[in-house]
Protein backbone atom coordinates (compact mmCIF):
# COMPACT_ATOMS: atom_id res chain seq x y z
CA MET A 1 0.02 -0.08 0.05
CA SER A 2 1.11 3.46 -0.69
CA LYS A 3 1.65 6.06 2.01
CA VAL A 4 -1.51 7.90 0.68
CA ASP A 5 -3.68 4.78 1.25
CA LEU A 6 -2.38 4.42 4.79
CA ILE A 7 -3.07 8.03 5.76
CA GLY A 8 -6.58 7.89 4.17
CA ILE A 9 -7.25 4.59 6.21
CA GLY A 10 -5.92 6.31 9.37
CA LYS A 11 -7.97 9.33 8.90
CA ARG A 12 -11.18 7.24 8.43
CA ILE A 13 -10.36 5.10 11.60
CA GLN A 14 -9.75 8.17 13.62
CA ASN A 15 -12.90 10.10 12.41
CA ARG A 16 -15.07 7.00 13.17
CA ARG A 17 -13.26 6.67 16.69
CA LYS A 18 -13.98 10.27 17.42
CA GLN A 19 -17.57 9.93 16.34
CA LEU A 20 -18.14 7.19 18.72
CA MET A 21 -16.45 9.42 21.26
CA LEU A 22 -13.67 6.84 22.00
CA THR A 23 -10.07 7.71 23.02
CA GLN A 24 -7.22 6.00 21.39
CA GLU A 25 -6.70 4.20 24.87
CA GLN A 26 -10.22 2.83 24.87
CA LEU A 27 -10.01 1.65 21.23
CA ALA A 28 -6.55 -0.05 21.86
CA GLU A 29 -8.15 -1.74 24.84
CA MET A 30 -11.12 -3.07 22.91
CA MET A 31 -8.86 -4.21 20.17
CA ASN A 32 -6.34 -5.82 22.55
CA VAL A 33 -3.44 -3.78 20.94
CA SER A 34 -1.19 -1.08 22.19
CA ILE A 35 -2.12 2.65 22.25
CA GLN A 36 1.03 3.22 20.15
CA MET A 37 -0.51 0.72 17.52
CA VAL A 38 -3.73 2.72 17.26
CA SER A 39 -1.77 5.97 16.95
CA ASN A 40 0.40 4.55 14.29
CA LEU A 41 -2.65 3.27 12.49
CA GLU A 42 -4.38 6.62 12.56
CA ARG A 43 -1.30 8.53 11.30
CA GLY A 44 -0.87 6.07 8.47
CA ASN A 45 2.59 4.94 9.79
CA LYS A 46 1.57 1.21 9.89
CA ALA A 47 -0.60 -1.09 7.70
CA ILE A 48 -3.37 -2.91 9.52
CA ARG A 49 -3.22 -6.86 9.84
CA ILE A 50 -6.45 -8.44 8.36
CA ASP A 51 -7.52 -9.90 11.86
CA ASN A 52 -7.19 -6.43 13.32
CA LEU A 53 -9.11 -4.81 10.38
CA ILE A 54 -11.97 -7.32 10.82
CA ASN A 55 -12.04 -6.68 14.61
CA LEU A 56 -11.85 -2.88 14.30
CA SER A 57 -14.67 -2.86 11.61
CA GLN A 58 -16.81 -4.70 14.12
CA LEU A 59 -15.94 -2.35 17.05
CA LEU A 60 -16.51 0.72 15.04
CA ASP A 61 -19.65 -0.70 13.39
CA ILE A 62 -18.38 0.12 9.74
CA SER A 63 -17.32 -2.03 6.86
CA THR A 64 -13.87 -3.07 6.02
CA ASP A 65 -14.53 -1.56 2.63
CA TYR A 66 -15.02 1.70 4.10
CA ILE A 67 -12.06 1.62 6.18
CA LEU A 68 -9.97 0.53 3.19
CA THR A 69 -11.38 2.70 0.45
CA GLY A 70 -13.77 5.23 2.02
CA LYS A 71 -16.57 3.95 -0.05
CA ALA A 72 -19.76 3.18 1.86
CA THR A 73 -21.39 -0.21 1.37
CA THR A 74 -25.12 -0.84 1.53
CA ASP A 75 -24.67 -2.13 5.11
CA ASP A 76 -23.05 1.11 6.09
CA ILE A 77 -25.80 3.18 4.57
CA GLU A 78 -28.40 0.87 6.25
CA VAL A 79 -26.79 1.41 9.65
CA LEU A 80 -26.94 5.10 9.09
CA THR A 81 -30.43 4.83 7.87
CA SER A 82 -31.49 3.11 10.99
CA ARG A 83 -29.68 5.71 13.18
CA ILE A 84 -31.37 8.59 11.47
CA SER A 85 -34.75 6.98 11.75
CA GLN A 86 -34.47 7.17 15.42
CA LEU A 87 -34.11 10.88 15.45
CA SER A 88 -37.09 13.35 15.85
CA ILE A 89 -38.73 14.85 12.87
CA LYS A 90 -36.85 18.16 13.66
CA GLU A 91 -33.55 16.32 13.78
CA ARG A 92 -34.32 14.55 10.55
CA LYS A 93 -34.94 17.85 8.90
CA MET A 94 -31.60 19.10 10.14
CA ILE A 95 -29.84 16.18 8.66
CA GLU A 96 -31.79 16.58 5.32
CA MET A 97 -30.66 20.28 5.27
CA LEU A 98 -27.07 19.39 5.89
CA VAL A 99 -27.21 16.77 3.09
CA ASP A 100 -28.71 19.24 0.82
CA TYR A 101 -25.93 21.80 1.76
CA CYS A 102 -23.27 19.28 1.17
CA LEU A 103 -24.64 18.38 -2.26
CA THR A 104 -24.89 21.98 -3.37
CA GLU A 105 -21.29 22.69 -2.28
CA ASN A 106 -19.97 19.41 -3.64
CA PRO A 107 -22.05 18.20 -6.45
CA PRO A 108 -21.57 14.36 -7.14
CA GLN A 109 -19.12 13.64 -9.93
CA GLU A 110 -20.18 11.79 -13.02
CA LYS A 111 -18.78 8.25 -13.24
């Protein structure tokens, strides 16, 4: 893997960890690895072993595809949809406005 790939992987891991309000220490403990290992992963200094990748995806409730490529899978979208459905109508409207804003600022690229 190139350095760029590892940095992207690390950023996605870090972002999801922070979304879940976990510290590096907490994640390391959950994964049964050192804090240094989590830090190295998040900075893109080390590649992740397959067994750790699978464990991490389960702990962070995101797909291995998303961790590795940044592309959401159907399962990722279903999890997000389920979480959004638990929000109040007012909160869902806020999410809808945010999505509209993001699409206006960054229109989807044609494939």
